[in-house]
Amino acid sequence: MQNGAKIAVVQYLNSSEENQGYVDETVAEKYTNYFSAAGYMVVPNAETQSALSTTGYTTEDEELPDKDQMKAVAEATGADYVVAMEIAELHASRHESFFQVKVTVKTKLAYKVYAAKADKLYAFKTTSSDDNKTVFGGVGFKSPIVNALTDAMEKGNAKIQSFVAENSGVDLAQ
């Protein structure tokens, strides 16, 4: 499905302490590669990063690009929209009792989406949590972290699609 919108996807920012490989894999599926799979024309990553670097943006401050930086990326790449995401919080904790072990995960993602035509920036956050319980056995962190991240990113993608639809008149139903 091709919907006509051209999107520049800024490399995600991970401000959390969690840096396992499965975090990158989940983000690749639900953020980095999501937009091309959803039918958008996606600006090549190198082109997006190059345009962003000319604005003086750095990830050292652990902040998403501002409106002017995102506008510059849109102008340099010809993108209709520029999307940026940050894993702002990702907390995983293990609780053990005599009969069961439970891992609880809470995540908060921050997004910014810039619409070039409307010169409008949309910033929002999504949250999610997941519990993984087991009786008399081991329980890992991977499954609840992946579940919580996936849920939060799916919420974010729905909001991005709504924003794009509102600002382009393009129907994004999948």
N, C-alpha and C. Protein backbone atom coordinates (compact mmCIF):
# COMPACT_ATOMS: atom_id res chain seq x y z
N MET A 1 0.85 -1.18 0.00
CA MET A 1 0.00 0.00 0.00
C MET A 1 0.89 1.24 0.00
N GLN A 2 0.73 2.08 -0.94
CA GLN A 2 1.49 3.33 -1.02
C GLN A 2 0.52 4.47 -0.73
N ASN A 3 0.81 5.29 0.25
CA ASN A 3 -0.16 6.35 0.56
C ASN A 3 0.31 7.74 0.15
N GLY A 4 1.51 7.84 -0.39
CA GLY A 4 1.95 9.12 -0.92
C GLY A 4 2.72 10.00 0.03
N ALA A 5 2.60 9.82 1.33
CA ALA A 5 3.32 10.66 2.28
C ALA A 5 4.78 10.22 2.36
N LYS A 6 5.68 11.21 2.33
CA LYS A 6 7.11 10.94 2.44
C LYS A 6 7.55 11.30 3.86
N ILE A 7 8.17 10.34 4.53
CA ILE A 7 8.52 10.52 5.94
C ILE A 7 10.02 10.34 6.16
N ALA A 8 10.60 11.26 6.93
CA ALA A 8 11.98 11.13 7.40
C ALA A 8 11.90 10.62 8.83
N VAL A 9 12.52 9.47 9.08
CA VAL A 9 12.48 8.86 10.41
C VAL A 9 13.82 9.10 11.09
N VAL A 10 13.80 9.90 12.15
CA VAL A 10 15.01 10.19 12.91
C VAL A 10 15.35 8.97 13.76
N GLN A 11 16.64 8.64 13.82
CA GLN A 11 17.07 7.51 14.63
C GLN A 11 16.58 7.70 16.06
N TYR A 12 16.05 6.62 16.65
CA TYR A 12 15.46 6.75 17.98
C TYR A 12 16.51 7.04 19.04
N LEU A 13 16.05 7.65 20.11
CA LEU A 13 16.89 8.02 21.23
C LEU A 13 16.50 7.16 22.42
N ASN A 14 17.47 6.53 23.06
CA ASN A 14 17.18 5.69 24.22
C ASN A 14 17.76 6.35 25.46
N SER A 15 16.91 7.02 26.23
CA SER A 15 17.34 7.69 27.46
C SER A 15 17.21 6.77 28.67
N SER A 16 16.71 5.56 28.46
CA SER A 16 16.55 4.61 29.56
C SER A 16 17.87 3.89 29.80
N GLU A 17 17.91 3.13 30.86
CA GLU A 17 19.12 2.36 31.18
C GLU A 17 19.13 1.02 30.44
N GLU A 18 18.02 0.68 29.82
CA GLU A 18 17.86 -0.64 29.19
C GLU A 18 18.44 -0.61 27.77
N ASN A 19 19.46 -1.43 27.53
CA ASN A 19 20.09 -1.42 26.21
C ASN A 19 20.32 -2.82 25.65
N GLN A 20 19.45 -3.74 25.99
CA GLN A 20 19.55 -5.11 25.47
C GLN A 20 19.24 -5.12 23.97
N GLY A 21 19.75 -6.10 23.28
CA GLY A 21 19.54 -6.23 21.84
C GLY A 21 18.07 -6.32 21.45
N TYR A 22 17.27 -6.96 22.30
CA TYR A 22 15.85 -7.10 21.95
C TYR A 22 15.11 -5.77 21.99
N VAL A 23 15.65 -4.77 22.68
CA VAL A 23 15.06 -3.42 22.64
C VAL A 23 15.24 -2.86 21.23
N ASP A 24 16.46 -2.97 20.70
CA ASP A 24 16.74 -2.51 19.33
C ASP A 24 15.88 -3.25 18.31
N GLU A 25 15.74 -4.57 18.48
CA GLU A 25 14.95 -5.37 17.55
C GLU A 25 13.48 -4.92 17.55
N THR A 26 12.94 -4.68 18.72
CA THR A 26 11.55 -4.26 18.84
C THR A 26 11.36 -2.88 18.22
N VAL A 27 12.29 -1.97 18.49
CA VAL A 27 12.22 -0.63 17.93
C VAL A 27 12.35 -0.68 16.41
N ALA A 28 13.22 -1.54 15.90
CA ALA A 28 13.39 -1.67 14.45
C ALA A 28 12.07 -2.07 13.80
N GLU A 29 11.37 -3.03 14.42
CA GLU A 29 10.12 -3.51 13.84
C GLU A 29 8.99 -2.50 13.97
N LYS A 30 8.87 -1.87 15.13
CA LYS A 30 7.70 -1.03 15.40
C LYS A 30 7.95 0.47 15.20
N TYR A 31 9.18 0.86 14.89
CA TYR A 31 9.46 2.28 14.64
C TYR A 31 10.30 2.45 13.37
N THR A 32 11.54 2.02 13.40
CA THR A 32 12.47 2.27 12.30
C THR A 32 11.94 1.75 10.96
N ASN A 33 11.48 0.51 10.93
CA ASN A 33 11.01 -0.11 9.68
C ASN A 33 9.50 -0.04 9.52
N TYR A 34 8.81 0.43 10.53
CA TYR A 34 7.34 0.44 10.52
C TYR A 34 6.77 1.26 9.37
N PHE A 35 7.32 2.43 9.13
CA PHE A 35 6.73 3.37 8.17
C PHE A 35 6.80 2.86 6.73
N SER A 36 7.92 2.23 6.36
CA SER A 36 7.98 1.67 5.01
C SER A 36 7.03 0.47 4.90
N ALA A 37 6.93 -0.33 5.96
CA ALA A 37 6.01 -1.47 5.94
C ALA A 37 4.55 -0.99 5.87
N ALA A 38 4.27 0.20 6.41
CA ALA A 38 2.91 0.75 6.40
C ALA A 38 2.59 1.47 5.09
N GLY A 39 3.56 1.51 4.16
CA GLY A 39 3.29 2.07 2.84
C GLY A 39 3.74 3.50 2.62
N TYR A 40 4.47 4.05 3.57
CA TYR A 40 5.00 5.40 3.38
C TYR A 40 6.26 5.35 2.53
N MET A 41 6.56 6.44 1.84
CA MET A 41 7.87 6.60 1.19
C MET A 41 8.79 7.11 2.30
N VAL A 42 9.85 6.38 2.57
CA VAL A 42 10.74 6.74 3.68
C VAL A 42 12.07 7.26 3.13
N VAL A 43 12.47 8.41 3.65
CA VAL A 43 13.77 9.00 3.28
C VAL A 43 14.86 8.07 3.81
N PRO A 44 15.88 7.75 3.00
CA PRO A 44 16.97 6.90 3.50
C PRO A 44 17.57 7.46 4.79
N ASN A 45 17.90 6.57 5.72
CA ASN A 45 18.40 6.96 7.03
C ASN A 45 19.62 7.87 6.94
N ALA A 46 20.56 7.55 6.05
CA ALA A 46 21.79 8.36 5.93
C ALA A 46 21.45 9.80 5.54
N GLU A 47 20.47 9.96 4.66
CA GLU A 47 20.05 11.29 4.22
C GLU A 47 19.40 12.07 5.38
N THR A 48 18.57 11.37 6.15
CA THR A 48 17.92 12.00 7.31
C THR A 48 18.96 12.43 8.34
N GLN A 49 19.89 11.52 8.66
CA GLN A 49 20.92 11.82 9.67
C GLN A 49 21.83 12.95 9.20
N SER A 50 22.16 12.96 7.92
CA SER A 50 23.01 14.02 7.37
C SER A 50 22.33 15.38 7.49
N ALA A 51 21.05 15.42 7.12
CA ALA A 51 20.29 16.68 7.21
C ALA A 51 20.18 17.14 8.66
N LEU A 52 19.99 16.19 9.58
CA LEU A 52 19.85 16.53 10.99
C LEU A 52 21.17 17.04 11.56
N SER A 53 22.28 16.44 11.14
CA SER A 53 23.59 16.85 11.68
C SER A 53 23.94 18.28 11.28
N THR A 54 23.45 18.76 10.15
CA THR A 54 23.75 20.13 9.73
C THR A 54 23.04 21.16 10.61
N THR A 55 22.07 20.73 11.41
CA THR A 55 21.34 21.65 12.29
C THR A 55 22.04 21.84 13.63
N GLY A 56 23.11 21.07 13.87
CA GLY A 56 23.79 21.14 15.15
C GLY A 56 23.20 20.20 16.18
N TYR A 57 22.24 19.38 15.78
CA TYR A 57 21.60 18.44 16.71
C TYR A 57 22.59 17.38 17.17
N THR A 58 22.54 17.08 18.45
CA THR A 58 23.34 16.01 19.02
C THR A 58 22.49 15.24 20.01
N THR A 59 22.77 13.95 20.14
CA THR A 59 22.01 13.12 21.08
C THR A 59 22.59 13.18 22.49
N GLU A 60 23.69 13.89 22.67
CA GLU A 60 24.34 13.95 23.97
C GLU A 60 23.44 14.53 25.05
N ASP A 61 22.54 15.43 24.68
CA ASP A 61 21.63 16.03 25.66
C ASP A 61 20.43 15.15 25.94
N GLU A 62 20.32 14.02 25.23
CA GLU A 62 19.19 13.10 25.38
C GLU A 62 17.86 13.81 25.22
N GLU A 63 17.78 14.64 24.19
CA GLU A 63 16.53 15.34 23.85
C GLU A 63 16.24 15.13 22.38
N LEU A 64 14.95 15.09 22.06
CA LEU A 64 14.55 14.98 20.66
C LEU A 64 14.81 16.31 19.95
N PRO A 65 14.95 16.28 18.63
CA PRO A 65 15.15 17.53 17.89
C PRO A 65 13.99 18.49 18.09
N ASP A 66 14.27 19.79 18.02
CA ASP A 66 13.20 20.79 18.17
C ASP A 66 12.53 21.04 16.82
N LYS A 67 11.54 21.91 16.83
CA LYS A 67 10.76 22.18 15.62
C LYS A 67 11.64 22.69 14.48
N ASP A 68 12.53 23.63 14.76
CA ASP A 68 13.39 24.19 13.71
C ASP A 68 14.29 23.13 13.10
N GLN A 69 14.82 22.24 13.94
CA GLN A 69 15.69 21.17 13.44
C GLN A 69 14.90 20.20 12.57
N MET A 70 13.68 19.87 13.00
CA MET A 70 12.85 18.95 12.22
C MET A 70 12.41 19.61 10.91
N LYS A 71 12.14 20.90 10.96
CA LYS A 71 11.77 21.65 9.75
C LYS A 71 12.93 21.63 8.76
N ALA A 72 14.15 21.82 9.25
CA ALA A 72 15.34 21.80 8.39
C ALA A 72 15.51 20.42 7.73
N VAL A 73 15.23 19.35 8.47
CA VAL A 73 15.31 18.00 7.91
C VAL A 73 14.27 17.84 6.80
N ALA A 74 13.04 18.31 7.06
CA ALA A 74 11.98 18.21 6.04
C ALA A 74 12.38 18.97 4.77
N GLU A 75 12.93 20.16 4.94
CA GLU A 75 13.32 20.97 3.78
C GLU A 75 14.48 20.33 3.01
N ALA A 76 15.46 19.79 3.74
CA ALA A 76 16.64 19.20 3.10
C ALA A 76 16.32 17.88 2.39
N THR A 77 15.35 17.14 2.90
CA THR A 77 15.06 15.81 2.35
C THR A 77 13.81 15.78 1.47
N GLY A 78 13.02 16.85 1.51
CA GLY A 78 11.77 16.86 0.77
C GLY A 78 10.68 16.05 1.45
N ALA A 79 10.86 15.76 2.74
CA ALA A 79 9.88 14.95 3.47
C ALA A 79 8.64 15.77 3.81
N ASP A 80 7.49 15.11 3.75
CA ASP A 80 6.24 15.73 4.18
C ASP A 80 6.15 15.75 5.71
N TYR A 81 6.75 14.73 6.33
CA TYR A 81 6.71 14.57 7.79
C TYR A 81 8.07 14.12 8.28
N VAL A 82 8.42 14.56 9.48
CA VAL A 82 9.63 14.10 10.15
C VAL A 82 9.19 13.54 11.50
N VAL A 83 9.62 12.32 11.80
CA VAL A 83 9.21 11.63 13.02
C VAL A 83 10.43 11.35 13.89
N ALA A 84 10.30 11.61 15.19
CA ALA A 84 11.37 11.30 16.14
C ALA A 84 10.75 10.64 17.36
N MET A 85 11.47 9.65 17.93
CA MET A 85 10.96 8.94 19.10
C MET A 85 12.08 8.75 20.12
N GLU A 86 11.69 8.83 21.38
CA GLU A 86 12.62 8.60 22.49
C GLU A 86 12.02 7.59 23.44
N ILE A 87 12.84 6.62 23.86
CA ILE A 87 12.45 5.76 24.97
C ILE A 87 12.84 6.55 26.21
N ALA A 88 11.87 7.26 26.79
CA ALA A 88 12.15 8.15 27.91
C ALA A 88 12.33 7.37 29.21
N GLU A 89 11.51 6.35 29.41
CA GLU A 89 11.61 5.52 30.61
C GLU A 89 11.33 4.08 30.25
N LEU A 90 12.09 3.19 30.87
CA LEU A 90 11.85 1.76 30.72
C LEU A 90 12.32 1.12 32.02
N HIS A 91 11.37 0.82 32.88
CA HIS A 91 11.69 0.26 34.20
C HIS A 91 11.23 -1.19 34.26
N ALA A 92 12.14 -2.06 34.62
CA ALA A 92 11.79 -3.47 34.81
C ALA A 92 12.20 -3.87 36.21
N SER A 93 11.27 -4.48 36.93
CA SER A 93 11.60 -4.91 38.29
C SER A 93 11.08 -6.33 38.52
N ARG A 94 11.82 -7.07 39.32
CA ARG A 94 11.46 -8.45 39.63
C ARG A 94 10.96 -8.50 41.07
N HIS A 95 9.82 -9.15 41.26
CA HIS A 95 9.23 -9.32 42.59
C HIS A 95 9.12 -10.82 42.85
N GLU A 96 9.70 -11.26 43.96
CA GLU A 96 9.66 -12.68 44.27
C GLU A 96 8.91 -12.91 45.57
N SER A 97 8.06 -13.93 45.54
CA SER A 97 7.41 -14.39 46.76
C SER A 97 7.73 -15.88 46.87
N PHE A 98 7.18 -16.52 47.87
CA PHE A 98 7.49 -17.93 48.07
C PHE A 98 7.03 -18.79 46.90
N PHE A 99 5.88 -18.45 46.31
CA PHE A 99 5.30 -19.30 45.27
C PHE A 99 5.43 -18.76 43.84
N GLN A 100 5.75 -17.50 43.68
CA GLN A 100 5.81 -16.99 42.31
C GLN A 100 6.84 -15.89 42.15
N VAL A 101 7.23 -15.71 40.91
CA VAL A 101 8.13 -14.63 40.53
C VAL A 101 7.39 -13.79 39.50
N LYS A 102 7.49 -12.49 39.63
CA LYS A 102 6.79 -11.61 38.69
C LYS A 102 7.76 -10.52 38.24
N VAL A 103 7.77 -10.26 36.94
CA VAL A 103 8.53 -9.14 36.40
C VAL A 103 7.52 -8.11 35.92
N THR A 104 7.67 -6.88 36.41
CA THR A 104 6.79 -5.79 36.00
C THR A 104 7.61 -4.78 35.20
N VAL A 105 7.06 -4.37 34.07
CA VAL A 105 7.74 -3.41 33.21
C VAL A 105 6.82 -2.22 32.97
N LYS A 106 7.38 -1.03 33.08
CA LYS A 106 6.65 0.19 32.74
C LYS A 106 7.51 0.97 31.76
N THR A 107 6.87 1.48 30.71
CA THR A 107 7.62 2.23 29.71
C THR A 107 6.90 3.51 29.34
N LYS A 108 7.69 4.53 29.01
CA LYS A 108 7.15 5.80 28.53
C LYS A 108 7.96 6.22 27.31
N LEU A 109 7.25 6.46 26.21
CA LEU A 109 7.89 6.90 24.97
C LEU A 109 7.47 8.33 24.67
N ALA A 110 8.39 9.12 24.16
CA ALA A 110 8.09 10.49 23.75
C ALA A 110 8.26 10.58 22.24
N TYR A 111 7.32 11.23 21.59
CA TYR A 111 7.35 11.39 20.14
C TYR A 111 7.25 12.85 19.76
N LYS A 112 7.84 13.17 18.60
CA LYS A 112 7.61 14.46 17.94
C LYS A 112 7.40 14.16 16.47
N VAL A 113 6.37 14.78 15.90
CA VAL A 113 6.09 14.63 14.48
C VAL A 113 5.93 16.03 13.90
N TYR A 114 6.67 16.30 12.84
CA TYR A 114 6.60 17.61 12.20
C TYR A 114 5.93 17.46 10.84
N ALA A 115 4.92 18.29 10.58
CA ALA A 115 4.23 18.33 9.28
C ALA A 115 4.73 19.54 8.51
N ALA A 116 5.43 19.30 7.41
CA ALA A 116 6.05 20.39 6.65
C ALA A 116 5.02 21.34 6.05
N LYS A 117 3.99 20.80 5.43
CA LYS A 117 3.00 21.63 4.74
C LYS A 117 2.30 22.58 5.72
N ALA A 118 1.95 22.08 6.89
CA ALA A 118 1.24 22.89 7.89
C ALA A 118 2.19 23.64 8.81
N ASP A 119 3.51 23.33 8.72
CA ASP A 119 4.50 23.90 9.63
C ASP A 119 4.04 23.72 11.08
N LYS A 120 3.67 22.48 11.40
CA LYS A 120 3.10 22.17 12.71
C LYS A 120 3.87 21.03 13.36
N LEU A 121 4.15 21.17 14.65
CA LEU A 121 4.81 20.12 15.42
C LEU A 121 3.82 19.52 16.39
N TYR A 122 3.75 18.19 16.39
CA TYR A 122 2.88 17.45 17.30
C TYR A 122 3.78 16.65 18.22
N ALA A 123 3.71 16.92 19.52
CA ALA A 123 4.51 16.19 20.50
C ALA A 123 3.56 15.46 21.44
N PHE A 124 3.87 14.20 21.72
CA PHE A 124 3.01 13.42 22.62
C PHE A 124 3.83 12.30 23.26
N LYS A 125 3.24 11.68 24.28
CA LYS A 125 3.88 10.55 24.96
C LYS A 125 2.91 9.38 24.98
N THR A 126 3.46 8.18 24.98
CA THR A 126 2.65 6.98 25.17
C THR A 126 3.26 6.19 26.31
N THR A 127 2.42 5.46 27.02
CA THR A 127 2.90 4.63 28.12
C THR A 127 2.31 3.24 28.00
N SER A 128 2.96 2.31 28.65
CA SER A 128 2.45 0.94 28.68
C SER A 128 3.13 0.21 29.83
N SER A 129 2.50 -0.89 30.23
CA SER A 129 3.11 -1.73 31.26
C SER A 129 2.79 -3.18 30.95
N ASP A 130 3.55 -4.08 31.54
CA ASP A 130 3.33 -5.50 31.33
C ASP A 130 3.84 -6.26 32.55
N ASP A 131 3.10 -7.30 32.92
CA ASP A 131 3.50 -8.19 34.01
C ASP A 131 3.73 -9.58 33.44
N ASN A 132 4.76 -10.24 33.92
CA ASN A 132 5.06 -11.60 33.50
C ASN A 132 5.22 -12.42 34.77
N LYS A 133 4.29 -13.33 35.02
CA LYS A 133 4.32 -14.12 36.26
C LYS A 133 4.62 -15.58 35.95
N THR A 134 5.28 -16.23 36.89
CA THR A 134 5.49 -17.66 36.78
C THR A 134 5.43 -18.26 38.18
N VAL A 135 4.97 -19.49 38.24
CA VAL A 135 4.93 -20.21 39.50
C VAL A 135 5.99 -21.31 39.41
N PHE A 136 6.86 -21.37 40.39
CA PHE A 136 7.92 -22.38 40.44
C PHE A 136 8.76 -22.43 39.17
N GLY A 137 9.27 -21.33 38.76
CA GLY A 137 10.13 -21.34 37.58
C GLY A 137 10.77 -20.00 37.35
N GLY A 138 11.62 -19.98 36.38
CA GLY A 138 12.30 -18.73 36.05
C GLY A 138 11.43 -17.84 35.19
N VAL A 139 11.61 -16.57 35.36
CA VAL A 139 10.91 -15.60 34.53
C VAL A 139 11.93 -14.57 34.08
N GLY A 140 11.90 -14.26 32.80
CA GLY A 140 12.88 -13.33 32.26
C GLY A 140 12.31 -11.94 32.04
N PHE A 141 13.19 -11.03 31.71
CA PHE A 141 12.81 -9.64 31.46
C PHE A 141 12.41 -9.40 30.01
N LYS A 142 12.92 -10.23 29.08
CA LYS A 142 12.72 -9.96 27.66
C LYS A 142 11.24 -9.86 27.27
N SER A 143 10.45 -10.86 27.60
CA SER A 143 9.05 -10.88 27.16
C SER A 143 8.25 -9.67 27.63
N PRO A 144 8.27 -9.34 28.93
CA PRO A 144 7.49 -8.17 29.35
C PRO A 144 8.02 -6.85 28.78
N ILE A 145 9.33 -6.73 28.59
CA ILE A 145 9.90 -5.51 28.01
C ILE A 145 9.44 -5.37 26.56
N VAL A 146 9.55 -6.45 25.80
CA VAL A 146 9.12 -6.43 24.40
C VAL A 146 7.62 -6.12 24.31
N ASN A 147 6.82 -6.76 25.18
CA ASN A 147 5.37 -6.52 25.16
C ASN A 147 5.02 -5.07 25.47
N ALA A 148 5.65 -4.51 26.50
CA ALA A 148 5.35 -3.13 26.90
C ALA A 148 5.80 -2.14 25.81
N LEU A 149 7.00 -2.36 25.26
CA LEU A 149 7.48 -1.48 24.18
C LEU A 149 6.59 -1.56 22.95
N THR A 150 6.23 -2.79 22.57
CA THR A 150 5.37 -2.99 21.40
C THR A 150 4.04 -2.27 21.57
N ASP A 151 3.43 -2.43 22.74
CA ASP A 151 2.14 -1.79 23.00
C ASP A 151 2.25 -0.27 22.93
N ALA A 152 3.28 0.28 23.57
CA ALA A 152 3.46 1.74 23.57
C ALA A 152 3.74 2.26 22.15
N MET A 153 4.53 1.52 21.37
CA MET A 153 4.84 1.97 20.01
C MET A 153 3.63 1.84 19.09
N GLU A 154 2.80 0.82 19.30
CA GLU A 154 1.58 0.70 18.50
C GLU A 154 0.64 1.87 18.78
N LYS A 155 0.56 2.29 20.04
CA LYS A 155 -0.24 3.48 20.39
C LYS A 155 0.34 4.72 19.69
N GLY A 156 1.66 4.83 19.72
CA GLY A 156 2.32 5.96 19.07
C GLY A 156 2.09 5.98 17.57
N ASN A 157 2.19 4.81 16.94
CA ASN A 157 1.98 4.73 15.49
C ASN A 157 0.56 5.12 15.12
N ALA A 158 -0.41 4.74 15.94
CA ALA A 158 -1.80 5.12 15.67
C ALA A 158 -1.96 6.64 15.74
N LYS A 159 -1.30 7.27 16.72
CA LYS A 159 -1.38 8.74 16.84
C LYS A 159 -0.68 9.43 15.67
N ILE A 160 0.44 8.88 15.24
CA ILE A 160 1.16 9.44 14.09
C ILE A 160 0.29 9.35 12.84
N GLN A 161 -0.33 8.20 12.64
CA GLN A 161 -1.19 8.03 11.46
C GLN A 161 -2.35 9.01 11.49
N SER A 162 -2.94 9.23 12.65
CA SER A 162 -4.04 10.20 12.76
C SER A 162 -3.55 11.60 12.42
N PHE A 163 -2.38 11.97 12.94
CA PHE A 163 -1.81 13.29 12.67
C PHE A 163 -1.54 13.47 11.18
N VAL A 164 -0.97 12.46 10.55
CA VAL A 164 -0.69 12.53 9.11
C VAL A 164 -2.00 12.67 8.34
N ALA A 165 -3.00 11.89 8.73
CA ALA A 165 -4.30 11.96 8.04
C ALA A 165 -4.92 13.35 8.17
N GLU A 166 -4.85 13.92 9.37
CA GLU A 166 -5.42 15.25 9.60
C GLU A 166 -4.71 16.33 8.79
N ASN A 167 -3.43 16.13 8.54
CA ASN A 167 -2.63 17.17 7.89
C ASN A 167 -2.37 16.93 6.41
N SER A 168 -2.93 15.87 5.86
CA SER A 168 -2.69 15.61 4.43
C SER A 168 -3.94 15.21 3.67
N GLY A 169 -5.00 14.87 4.39
CA GLY A 169 -6.20 14.41 3.71
C GLY A 169 -6.05 13.02 3.14
N VAL A 170 -4.98 12.32 3.53
CA VAL A 170 -4.72 10.97 3.02
C VAL A 170 -5.36 9.96 3.97
N ASP A 171 -6.07 9.00 3.42
CA ASP A 171 -6.68 7.95 4.23
C ASP A 171 -5.61 6.92 4.57
N LEU A 172 -5.43 6.66 5.86
CA LEU A 172 -4.37 5.75 6.28
C LEU A 172 -4.89 4.41 6.77
N ALA A 173 -6.14 4.09 6.50
CA ALA A 173 -6.69 2.82 6.97
C ALA A 173 -5.88 1.67 6.39
N GLN A 174 -5.56 0.72 7.26
CA GLN A 174 -4.78 -0.43 6.80
C GLN A 174 -5.65 -1.66 6.74
